[in-house]
């Protein structure tokens, strides 16, 4: 499905966005530059969001590993434990519950 961008007070398409690259025919050099700048900014924003989510995943993974290591250590020492931990990631939460020596 194609999407058209038209000039104000006009029905003539300025840009058609389809499955391929954006055709900038009909735009002034300044408008073409603006479209390129917007695309570059969007690419930078997407890369920054991906990096942020990766850091959140790494932090949550480290937190989960720490809790599991502590729970297993206490369990192997014979302690009757009760631990609950929730870690937040970019896609949801991870909850760990350990009670009475059983890791759930």
PDB file of N, CA and C in Angstrom:
ATOM      1  N   UNK A   1       0.846  -1.174   0.000  1.00  0.00           N
ATOM      2  CA  UNK A   1       0.000   0.000   0.000  1.00  0.00           C
ATOM      3  C   UNK A   1       0.888   1.232   0.000  1.00  0.00           C
ATOM      4  N   UNK A   2       0.612   2.147  -0.912  1.00  0.00           N
ATOM      5  CA  UNK A   2       1.378   3.387  -0.992  1.00  0.00           C
ATOM      6  C   UNK A   2       0.715   4.470  -0.154  1.00  0.00           C
ATOM      7  N   UNK A   3       1.536   5.370   0.344  1.00  0.00           N
ATOM      8  CA  UNK A   3       1.049   6.524   1.082  1.00  0.00           C
ATOM      9  C   UNK A   3       1.576   7.756   0.371  1.00  0.00           C
ATOM     10  N   UNK A   4       0.711   8.720   0.150  1.00  0.00           N
ATOM     11  CA  UNK A   4       1.129   9.924  -0.543  1.00  0.00           C
ATOM     12  C   UNK A   4       1.142  11.110   0.410  1.00  0.00           C
ATOM     13  N   UNK A   5       2.108  11.972   0.215  1.00  0.00           N
ATOM     14  CA  UNK A   5       2.184  13.238   0.933  1.00  0.00           C
ATOM     15  C   UNK A   5       1.909  14.313  -0.107  1.00  0.00           C
ATOM     16  N   UNK A   6       0.905  15.131   0.145  1.00  0.00           N
ATOM     17  CA  UNK A   6       0.536  16.167  -0.819  1.00  0.00           C
ATOM     18  C   UNK A   6       0.758  17.546  -0.219  1.00  0.00           C
ATOM     19  N   UNK A   7       1.000  18.512  -1.099  1.00  0.00           N
ATOM     20  CA  UNK A   7       1.185  19.894  -0.666  1.00  0.00           C
ATOM     21  C   UNK A   7      -0.147  20.455  -0.204  1.00  0.00           C
ATOM     22  N   UNK A   8      -0.089  21.388   0.718  1.00  0.00           N
ATOM     23  CA  UNK A   8      -1.297  22.047   1.195  1.00  0.00           C
ATOM     24  C   UNK A   8      -1.978  22.735   0.009  1.00  0.00           C
ATOM     25  N   UNK A   9      -3.291  22.656  -0.046  1.00  0.00           N
ATOM     26  CA  UNK A   9      -4.097  23.247  -1.121  1.00  0.00           C
ATOM     27  C   UNK A   9      -3.782  22.648  -2.494  1.00  0.00           C
ATOM     28  N   UNK A  10      -3.426  21.356  -2.512  1.00  0.00           N
ATOM     29  CA  UNK A  10      -3.113  20.701  -3.773  1.00  0.00           C
ATOM     30  C   UNK A  10      -3.489  19.228  -3.680  1.00  0.00           C
ATOM     31  N   UNK A  11      -3.783  18.629  -4.810  1.00  0.00           N
ATOM     32  CA  UNK A  11      -4.036  17.194  -4.848  1.00  0.00           C
ATOM     33  C   UNK A  11      -2.873  16.436  -5.460  1.00  0.00           C
ATOM     34  N   UNK A  12      -1.878  17.159  -5.948  1.00  0.00           N
ATOM     35  CA  UNK A  12      -0.733  16.522  -6.599  1.00  0.00           C
ATOM     36  C   UNK A  12       0.200  15.937  -5.537  1.00  0.00           C
ATOM     37  N   UNK A  13       0.552  14.649  -5.659  1.00  0.00           N
ATOM     38  CA  UNK A  13       1.452  14.049  -4.669  1.00  0.00           C
ATOM     39  C   UNK A  13       2.849  14.656  -4.744  1.00  0.00           C
ATOM     40  N   UNK A  14       3.425  14.913  -3.573  1.00  0.00           N
ATOM     41  CA  UNK A  14       4.794  15.404  -3.496  1.00  0.00           C
ATOM     42  C   UNK A  14       5.745  14.236  -3.306  1.00  0.00           C
ATOM     43  N   UNK A  15       5.335  13.316  -2.452  1.00  0.00           N
ATOM     44  CA  UNK A  15       6.167  12.159  -2.137  1.00  0.00           C
ATOM     45  C   UNK A  15       5.260  10.953  -2.061  1.00  0.00           C
ATOM     46  N   UNK A  16       5.677   9.844  -2.638  1.00  0.00           N
ATOM     47  CA  UNK A  16       4.942   8.590  -2.515  1.00  0.00           C
ATOM     48  C   UNK A  16       5.814   7.613  -1.746  1.00  0.00           C
ATOM     49  N   UNK A  17       5.263   7.081  -0.670  1.00  0.00           N
ATOM     50  CA  UNK A  17       5.998   6.128   0.150  1.00  0.00           C
ATOM     51  C   UNK A  17       5.391   4.757  -0.090  1.00  0.00           C
ATOM     52  N   UNK A  18       6.173   3.865  -0.631  1.00  0.00           N
ATOM     53  CA  UNK A  18       5.703   2.513  -0.910  1.00  0.00           C
ATOM     54  C   UNK A  18       6.655   1.490  -0.335  1.00  0.00           C
ATOM     55  N   UNK A  19       6.727   0.353  -0.993  1.00  0.00           N
ATOM     56  CA  UNK A  19       7.584  -0.731  -0.508  1.00  0.00           C
ATOM     57  C   UNK A  19       9.058  -0.406  -0.671  1.00  0.00           C
ATOM     58  N   UNK A  20       9.391   0.440  -1.632  1.00  0.00           N
ATOM     59  CA  UNK A  20      10.786   0.773  -1.885  1.00  0.00           C
ATOM     60  C   UNK A  20      11.196   2.054  -1.211  1.00  0.00           C
ATOM     61  N   UNK A  21      12.291   2.636  -1.682  1.00  0.00           N
ATOM     62  CA  UNK A  21      12.749   3.912  -1.099  1.00  0.00           C
ATOM     63  C   UNK A  21      11.770   5.034  -1.391  1.00  0.00           C
ATOM     64  N   UNK A  22      11.877   6.087  -0.627  1.00  0.00           N
ATOM     65  CA  UNK A  22      11.000   7.247  -0.795  1.00  0.00           C
ATOM     66  C   UNK A  22      11.453   8.020  -2.033  1.00  0.00           C
ATOM     67  N   UNK A  23      10.504   8.295  -2.937  1.00  0.00           N
ATOM     68  CA  UNK A  23      10.797   9.111  -4.120  1.00  0.00           C
ATOM     69  C   UNK A  23      10.640  10.573  -3.734  1.00  0.00           C
ATOM     70  N   UNK A  24      11.688  11.331  -3.913  1.00  0.00           N
ATOM     71  CA  UNK A  24      11.667  12.739  -3.530  1.00  0.00           C
ATOM     72  C   UNK A  24      11.418  13.652  -4.725  1.00  0.00           C
ATOM     73  N   UNK A  25      10.995  13.078  -5.848  1.00  0.00           N
ATOM     74  CA  UNK A  25      10.704  13.876  -7.036  1.00  0.00           C
ATOM     75  C   UNK A  25       9.619  14.899  -6.726  1.00  0.00           C
ATOM     76  N   UNK A  26       9.766  16.073  -7.242  1.00  0.00           N
ATOM     77  CA  UNK A  26       8.754  17.103  -7.054  1.00  0.00           C
ATOM     78  C   UNK A  26       8.998  17.965  -5.830  1.00  0.00           C
ATOM     79  N   UNK A  27       9.972  17.612  -5.010  1.00  0.00           N
ATOM     80  CA  UNK A  27      10.283  18.424  -3.830  1.00  0.00           C
ATOM     81  C   UNK A  27      11.437  19.361  -4.144  1.00  0.00           C
ATOM     82  N   UNK A  28      11.441  20.488  -3.480  1.00  0.00           N
ATOM     83  CA  UNK A  28      12.564  21.407  -3.631  1.00  0.00           C
ATOM     84  C   UNK A  28      13.767  20.801  -2.924  1.00  0.00           C
ATOM     85  N   UNK A  29      14.970  21.255  -3.242  1.00  0.00           N
ATOM     86  CA  UNK A  29      16.149  20.751  -2.534  1.00  0.00           C
ATOM     87  C   UNK A  29      16.045  20.934  -1.013  1.00  0.00           C
ATOM     88  N   UNK A  30      15.453  22.028  -0.567  1.00  0.00           N
ATOM     89  CA  UNK A  30      15.294  22.253   0.878  1.00  0.00           C
ATOM     90  C   UNK A  30      14.344  21.214   1.491  1.00  0.00           C
ATOM     91  N   UNK A  31      13.260  20.910   0.771  1.00  0.00           N
ATOM     92  CA  UNK A  31      12.314  19.905   1.263  1.00  0.00           C
ATOM     93  C   UNK A  31      12.951  18.514   1.268  1.00  0.00           C
ATOM     94  N   UNK A  32      13.726  18.213   0.236  1.00  0.00           N
ATOM     95  CA  UNK A  32      14.424  16.931   0.195  1.00  0.00           C
ATOM     96  C   UNK A  32      15.390  16.807   1.371  1.00  0.00           C
ATOM     97  N   UNK A  33      16.089  17.900   1.641  1.00  0.00           N
ATOM     98  CA  UNK A  33      17.022  17.909   2.767  1.00  0.00           C
ATOM     99  C   UNK A  33      16.287  17.698   4.087  1.00  0.00           C
ATOM    100  N   UNK A  34      15.127  18.338   4.224  1.00  0.00           N
ATOM    101  CA  UNK A  34      14.339  18.196   5.451  1.00  0.00           C
ATOM    102  C   UNK A  34      13.892  16.744   5.645  1.00  0.00           C
ATOM    103  N   UNK A  35      13.440  16.108   4.567  1.00  0.00           N
ATOM    104  CA  UNK A  35      13.032  14.695   4.644  1.00  0.00           C
ATOM    105  C   UNK A  35      14.219  13.826   5.050  1.00  0.00           C
ATOM    106  N   UNK A  36      15.363  14.076   4.456  1.00  0.00           N
ATOM    107  CA  UNK A  36      16.567  13.297   4.800  1.00  0.00           C
ATOM    108  C   UNK A  36      16.946  13.500   6.268  1.00  0.00           C
ATOM    109  N   UNK A  37      16.859  14.742   6.742  1.00  0.00           N
ATOM    110  CA  UNK A  37      17.192  15.035   8.140  1.00  0.00           C
ATOM    111  C   UNK A  37      16.217  14.340   9.086  1.00  0.00           C
ATOM    112  N   UNK A  38      14.925  14.356   8.748  1.00  0.00           N
ATOM    113  CA  UNK A  38      13.933  13.673   9.578  1.00  0.00           C
ATOM    114  C   UNK A  38      14.188  12.168   9.616  1.00  0.00           C
ATOM    115  N   UNK A  39      14.534  11.588   8.466  1.00  0.00           N
ATOM    116  CA  UNK A  39      14.830  10.155   8.403  1.00  0.00           C
ATOM    117  C   UNK A  39      16.071   9.830   9.226  1.00  0.00           C
ATOM    118  N   UNK A  40      17.093  10.667   9.135  1.00  0.00           N
ATOM    119  CA  UNK A  40      18.313  10.442   9.914  1.00  0.00           C
ATOM    120  C   UNK A  40      18.037  10.548  11.409  1.00  0.00           C
ATOM    121  N   UNK A  41      17.239  11.546  11.807  1.00  0.00           N
ATOM    122  CA  UNK A  41      16.895  11.702  13.226  1.00  0.00           C
ATOM    123  C   UNK A  41      16.123  10.486  13.726  1.00  0.00           C
ATOM    124  N   UNK A  42      15.177  10.009  12.915  1.00  0.00           N
ATOM    125  CA  UNK A  42      14.388   8.839  13.307  1.00  0.00           C
ATOM    126  C   UNK A  42      15.292   7.617  13.463  1.00  0.00           C
ATOM    127  N   UNK A  43      16.253   7.469  12.547  1.00  0.00           N
ATOM    128  CA  UNK A  43      17.203   6.359  12.653  1.00  0.00           C
ATOM    129  C   UNK A  43      18.024   6.443  13.930  1.00  0.00           C
ATOM    130  N   UNK A  44      18.455   7.643  14.283  1.00  0.00           N
ATOM    131  CA  UNK A  44      19.226   7.837  15.520  1.00  0.00           C
ATOM    132  C   UNK A  44      18.355   7.534  16.737  1.00  0.00           C
ATOM    133  N   UNK A  45      17.108   8.006  16.718  1.00  0.00           N
ATOM    134  CA  UNK A  45      16.189   7.740  17.834  1.00  0.00           C
ATOM    135  C   UNK A  45      15.949   6.236  18.010  1.00  0.00           C
ATOM    136  N   UNK A  46      15.760   5.524  16.906  1.00  0.00           N
ATOM    137  CA  UNK A  46      15.540   4.074  16.978  1.00  0.00           C
ATOM    138  C   UNK A  46      16.775   3.353  17.524  1.00  0.00           C
ATOM    139  N   UNK A  47      17.955   3.778  17.097  1.00  0.00           N
ATOM    140  CA  UNK A  47      19.188   3.170  17.593  1.00  0.00           C
ATOM    141  C   UNK A  47      19.364   3.435  19.091  1.00  0.00           C
ATOM    142  N   UNK A  48      19.040   4.646  19.531  1.00  0.00           N
ATOM    143  CA  UNK A  48      19.144   4.980  20.957  1.00  0.00           C
ATOM    144  C   UNK A  48      18.155   4.167  21.780  1.00  0.00           C
ATOM    145  N   UNK A  49      16.933   4.008  21.282  1.00  0.00           N
ATOM    146  CA  UNK A  49      15.936   3.196  21.987  1.00  0.00           C
ATOM    147  C   UNK A  49      16.381   1.744  22.090  1.00  0.00           C
ATOM    148  N   UNK A  50      16.949   1.203  21.011  1.00  0.00           N
ATOM    149  CA  UNK A  50      17.427  -0.179  21.021  1.00  0.00           C
ATOM    150  C   UNK A  50      18.562  -0.350  22.035  1.00  0.00           C
ATOM    151  N   UNK A  51      19.467   0.627  22.090  1.00  0.00           N
ATOM    152  CA  UNK A  51      20.574   0.560  23.053  1.00  0.00           C
ATOM    153  C   UNK A  51      20.048   0.632  24.485  1.00  0.00           C
ATOM    154  N   UNK A  52      19.066   1.487  24.722  1.00  0.00           N
ATOM    155  CA  UNK A  52      18.472   1.606  26.060  1.00  0.00           C
ATOM    156  C   UNK A  52      17.823   0.284  26.485  1.00  0.00           C
ATOM    157  N   UNK A  53      17.085  -0.337  25.557  1.00  0.00           N
ATOM    158  CA  UNK A  53      16.439  -1.614  25.873  1.00  0.00           C
ATOM    159  C   UNK A  53      17.464  -2.707  26.136  1.00  0.00           C
ATOM    160  N   UNK A  54      18.566  -2.688  25.388  1.00  0.00           N
ATOM    161  CA  UNK A  54      19.632  -3.671  25.607  1.00  0.00           C
ATOM    162  C   UNK A  54      20.235  -3.497  27.001  1.00  0.00           C
ATOM    163  N   UNK A  55      20.447  -2.253  27.417  1.00  0.00           N
ATOM    164  CA  UNK A  55      20.982  -2.001  28.759  1.00  0.00           C
ATOM    165  C   UNK A  55      20.004  -2.455  29.838  1.00  0.00           C
ATOM    166  N   UNK A  56      18.703  -2.219  29.623  1.00  0.00           N
ATOM    167  CA  UNK A  56      17.692  -2.677  30.584  1.00  0.00           C
ATOM    168  C   UNK A  56      17.707  -4.199  30.694  1.00  0.00           C
ATOM    169  N   UNK A  57      17.841  -4.887  29.563  1.00  0.00           N
ATOM    170  CA  UNK A  57      17.896  -6.344  29.576  1.00  0.00           C
ATOM    171  C   UNK A  57      19.129  -6.838  30.314  1.00  0.00           C
ATOM    172  N   UNK A  58      20.264  -6.218  30.055  1.00  0.00           N
ATOM    173  CA  UNK A  58      21.494  -6.620  30.739  1.00  0.00           C
ATOM    174  C   UNK A  58      21.387  -6.395  32.241  1.00  0.00           C
ATOM    175  N   UNK A  59      20.814  -5.269  32.651  1.00  0.00           N
ATOM    176  CA  UNK A  59      20.657  -4.979  34.083  1.00  0.00           C
ATOM    177  C   UNK A  59      19.707  -5.980  34.733  1.00  0.00           C
ATOM    178  N   UNK A  60      18.594  -6.285  34.076  1.00  0.00           N
ATOM    179  CA  UNK A  60      17.628  -7.244  34.622  1.00  0.00           C
ATOM    180  C   UNK A  60      18.239  -8.634  34.702  1.00  0.00           C
ATOM    181  N   UNK A  61      19.001  -9.020  33.687  1.00  0.00           N
ATOM    182  CA  UNK A  61      19.659 -10.330  33.694  1.00  0.00           C
ATOM    183  C   UNK A  61      20.657 -10.425  34.844  1.00  0.00           C
ATOM    184  N   UNK A  62      21.432  -9.381  35.060  1.00  0.00           N
ATOM    185  CA  UNK A  62      22.397  -9.372  36.160  1.00  0.00           C
ATOM    186  C   UNK A  62      21.679  -9.460  37.507  1.00  0.00           C
ATOM    187  N   UNK A  63      20.569  -8.744  37.634  1.00  0.00           N
ATOM    188  CA  UNK A  63      19.803  -8.767  38.881  1.00  0.00           C
ATOM    189  C   UNK A  63      19.222 -10.158  39.140  1.00  0.00           C
ATOM    190  N   UNK A  64      18.679 -10.782  38.107  1.00  0.00           N
ATOM    191  CA  UNK A  64      18.122 -12.133  38.242  1.00  0.00           C
ATOM    192  C   UNK A  64      19.229 -13.119  38.625  1.00  0.00           C
ATOM    193  N   UNK A  65      20.376 -13.030  37.966  1.00  0.00           N
ATOM    194  CA  UNK A  65      21.496 -13.915  38.290  1.00  0.00           C
ATOM    195  C   UNK A  65      21.934 -13.761  39.742  1.00  0.00           C
ATOM    196  N   UNK A  66      21.996 -12.531  40.234  1.00  0.00           N
ATOM    197  CA  UNK A  66      22.387 -12.268  41.619  1.00  0.00           C
ATOM    198  C   UNK A  66      21.403 -12.891  42.600  1.00  0.00           C
ATOM    199  N   UNK A  67      20.114 -12.712  42.339  1.00  0.00           N
ATOM    200  CA  UNK A  67      19.086 -13.271  43.225  1.00  0.00           C
ATOM    201  C   UNK A  67      19.137 -14.791  43.210  1.00  0.00           C
ATOM    202  N   UNK A  68      19.264 -15.392  42.030  1.00  0.00           N
ATOM    203  CA  UNK A  68      19.323 -16.855  41.938  1.00  0.00           C
ATOM    204  C   UNK A  68      20.562 -17.415  42.634  1.00  0.00           C
ATOM    205  N   UNK A  69      21.690 -16.750  42.465  1.00  0.00           N
ATOM    206  CA  UNK A  69      22.924 -17.194  43.123  1.00  0.00           C
ATOM    207  C   UNK A  69      22.771 -17.121  44.639  1.00  0.00           C
ATOM    208  N   UNK A  70      22.200 -16.033  45.140  1.00  0.00           N
ATOM    209  CA  UNK A  70      21.989 -15.894  46.590  1.00  0.00           C
ATOM    210  C   UNK A  70      21.023 -16.949  47.100  1.00  0.00           C
ATOM    211  N   UNK A  71      19.929 -17.177  46.379  1.00  0.00           N
ATOM    212  CA  UNK A  71      18.940 -18.168  46.801  1.00  0.00           C
ATOM    213  C   UNK A  71      19.530 -19.568  46.811  1.00  0.00           C
ATOM    214  N   UNK A  72      20.290 -19.927  45.787  1.00  0.00           N
ATOM    215  CA  UNK A  72      20.910 -21.255  45.723  1.00  0.00           C
ATOM    216  C   UNK A  72      21.953 -21.430  46.817  1.00  0.00           C
ATOM    217  N   UNK A  73      22.688 -20.350  47.101  1.00  0.00           N
ATOM    218  CA  UNK A  73      23.683 -20.420  48.169  1.00  0.00           C
ATOM    219  C   UNK A  73      23.037 -20.638  49.525  1.00  0.00           C
ATOM    220  N   UNK A  74      21.983 -19.917  49.808  1.00  0.00           N
ATOM    221  CA  UNK A  74      21.262 -20.086  51.073  1.00  0.00           C
ATOM    222  C   UNK A  74      20.620 -21.471  51.152  1.00  0.00           C
ATOM    223  N   UNK A  75      20.085 -21.928  50.026  1.00  0.00           N
ATOM    224  CA  UNK A  75      19.439 -23.236  49.995  1.00  0.00           C
ATOM    225  C   UNK A  75      20.459 -24.340  50.256  1.00  0.00           C
ATOM    226  N   UNK A  76      21.635 -24.241  49.635  1.00  0.00           N
ATOM    227  CA  UNK A  76      22.652 -25.276  49.832  1.00  0.00           C
ATOM    228  C   UNK A  76      23.204 -25.260  51.255  1.00  0.00           C
ATOM    229  N   UNK A  77      23.093 -24.123  51.933  1.00  0.00           N
ATOM    230  CA  UNK A  77      23.533 -24.039  53.333  1.00  0.00           C
ATOM    231  C   UNK A  77      22.454 -24.534  54.283  1.00  0.00           C
ATOM    232  N   UNK A  78      21.301 -24.924  53.732  1.00  0.00           N
ATOM    233  CA  UNK A  78      20.221 -25.464  54.555  1.00  0.00           C
ATOM    234  C   UNK A  78      19.297 -24.414  55.134  1.00  0.00           C
ATOM    235  N   UNK A  79      19.433 -23.193  54.711  1.00  0.00           N
ATOM    236  CA  UNK A  79      18.583 -22.128  55.250  1.00  0.00           C
ATOM    237  C   UNK A  79      17.170 -22.254  54.693  1.00  0.00           C
ATOM    238  N   UNK A  80      16.217 -21.919  55.530  1.00  0.00           N
ATOM    239  CA  UNK A  80      14.831 -21.839  55.066  1.00  0.00           C
ATOM    240  C   UNK A  80      14.629 -20.383  54.667  1.00  0.00           C
ATOM    241  N   UNK A  81      14.487 -20.166  53.402  1.00  0.00           N
ATOM    242  CA  UNK A  81      14.520 -18.809  52.882  1.00  0.00           C
ATOM    243  C   UNK A  81      13.172 -18.370  52.329  1.00  0.00           C
ATOM    244  N   UNK A  82      13.040 -17.069  52.214  1.00  0.00           N
ATOM    245  CA  UNK A  82      11.890 -16.473  51.561  1.00  0.00           C
ATOM    246  C   UNK A  82      12.390 -15.225  50.837  1.00  0.00           C
ATOM    247  N   UNK A  83      12.532 -15.342  49.527  1.00  0.00           N
ATOM    248  CA  UNK A  83      13.033 -14.237  48.712  1.00  0.00           C
ATOM    249  C   UNK A  83      12.031 -13.977  47.601  1.00  0.00           C
ATOM    250  N   UNK A  84      11.770 -12.716  47.347  1.00  0.00           N
ATOM    251  CA  UNK A  84      10.954 -12.342  46.195  1.00  0.00           C
ATOM    252  C   UNK A  84      11.616 -11.152  45.526  1.00  0.00           C
ATOM    253  N   UNK A  85      11.810 -11.249  44.212  1.00  0.00           N
ATOM    254  CA  UNK A  85      12.462 -10.181  43.459  1.00  0.00           C
ATOM    255  C   UNK A  85      11.739  -9.991  42.131  1.00  0.00           C
ATOM    256  N   UNK A  86      11.557  -8.739  41.751  1.00  0.00           N
ATOM    257  CA  UNK A  86      10.954  -8.411  40.467  1.00  0.00           C
ATOM    258  C   UNK A  86      11.903  -7.484  39.725  1.00  0.00           C
ATOM    259  N   UNK A  87      12.239  -7.863  38.490  1.00  0.00           N
ATOM    260  CA  UNK A  87      13.111  -7.051  37.640  1.00  0.00           C
ATOM    261  C   UNK A  87      12.299  -6.586  36.442  1.00  0.00           C
ATOM    262  N   UNK A  88      12.495  -5.339  36.062  1.00  0.00           N
ATOM    263  CA  UNK A  88      11.754  -4.767  34.938  1.00  0.00           C
ATOM    264  C   UNK A  88      12.646  -4.720  33.707  1.00  0.00           C
ATOM    265  N   UNK A  89      12.127  -5.197  32.591  1.00  0.00           N
ATOM    266  CA  UNK A  89      12.832  -5.143  31.321  1.00  0.00           C
ATOM    267  C   UNK A  89      12.033  -4.281  30.361  1.00  0.00           C
ATOM    268  N   UNK A  90      12.558  -4.112  29.163  1.00  0.00           N
ATOM    269  CA  UNK A  90      11.865  -3.314  28.155  1.00  0.00           C
ATOM    270  C   UNK A  90      10.560  -3.971  27.703  1.00  0.00           C
ATOM    271  N   UNK A  91      10.467  -5.281  27.843  1.00  0.00           N
ATOM    272  CA  UNK A  91       9.282  -5.991  27.359  1.00  0.00           C
ATOM    273  C   UNK A  91       8.370  -6.509  28.461  1.00  0.00           C
ATOM    274  N   UNK A  92       8.732  -6.320  29.710  1.00  0.00           N
ATOM    275  CA  UNK A  92       7.882  -6.800  30.800  1.00  0.00           C
ATOM    276  C   UNK A  92       8.650  -6.914  32.098  1.00  0.00           C
ATOM    277  N   UNK A  93       8.219  -7.831  32.942  1.00  0.00           N
ATOM    278  CA  UNK A  93       8.866  -8.022  34.233  1.00  0.00           C
ATOM    279  C   UNK A  93       9.246  -9.487  34.419  1.00  0.00           C
ATOM    280  N   UNK A  94      10.254  -9.698  35.247  1.00  0.00           N
ATOM    281  CA  UNK A  94      10.696 -11.039  35.638  1.00  0.00           C
ATOM    282  C   UNK A  94      10.542 -11.117  37.144  1.00  0.00           C
ATOM    283  N   UNK A  95       9.783 -12.097  37.637  1.00  0.00           N
ATOM    284  CA  UNK A  95       9.585 -12.257  39.070  1.00  0.00           C
ATOM    285  C   UNK A  95      10.180 -13.583  39.511  1.00  0.00           C
ATOM    286  N   UNK A  96      10.973 -13.533  40.568  1.00  0.00           N
ATOM    287  CA  UNK A  96      11.562 -14.735  41.155  1.00  0.00           C
ATOM    288  C   UNK A  96      11.049 -14.837  42.581  1.00  0.00           C
ATOM    289  N   UNK A  97      10.547 -16.015  42.940  1.00  0.00           N
ATOM    290  CA  UNK A  97      10.114 -16.261  44.309  1.00  0.00           C
ATOM    291  C   UNK A  97      10.817 -17.518  44.798  1.00  0.00           C
ATOM    292  N   UNK A  98      11.437 -17.440  45.964  1.00  0.00           N
ATOM    293  CA  UNK A  98      12.073 -18.596  46.569  1.00  0.00           C
ATOM    294  C   UNK A  98      11.580 -18.679  47.998  1.00  0.00           C
ATOM    295  N   UNK A  99      10.966 -19.827  48.354  1.00  0.00           N
ATOM    296  CA  UNK A  99      10.439 -20.001  49.705  1.00  0.00           C
ATOM    297  C   UNK A  99      10.760 -21.407  50.209  1.00  0.00           C
ATOM    298  N   UNK A 100      11.119 -21.479  51.464  1.00  0.00           N
ATOM    299  CA  UNK A 100      11.361 -22.751  52.140  1.00  0.00           C
ATOM    300  C   UNK A 100      12.320 -23.646  51.363  1.00  0.00           C
ATOM    301  N   UNK A 101      13.332 -23.044  50.762  1.00  0.00           N
ATOM    302  CA  UNK A 101      14.339 -23.828  50.085  1.00  0.00           C
ATOM    303  C   UNK A 101      13.974 -24.236  48.671  1.00  0.00           C
ATOM    304  N   UNK A 102      12.793 -23.888  48.188  1.00  0.00           N
ATOM    305  CA  UNK A 102      12.396 -24.225  46.829  1.00  0.00           C
ATOM    306  C   UNK A 102      12.419 -22.974  45.972  1.00  0.00           C
ATOM    307  N   UNK A 103      13.091 -23.049  44.845  1.00  0.00           N
ATOM    308  CA  UNK A 103      13.123 -21.908  43.940  1.00  0.00           C
ATOM    309  C   UNK A 103      12.012 -22.084  42.927  1.00  0.00           C
ATOM    310  N   UNK A 104      11.079 -21.132  42.890  1.00  0.00           N
ATOM    311  CA  UNK A 104       9.913 -21.206  42.001  1.00  0.00           C
ATOM    312  C   UNK A 104      10.076 -20.274  40.822  1.00  0.00           C
TER     313      UNK A 104
END
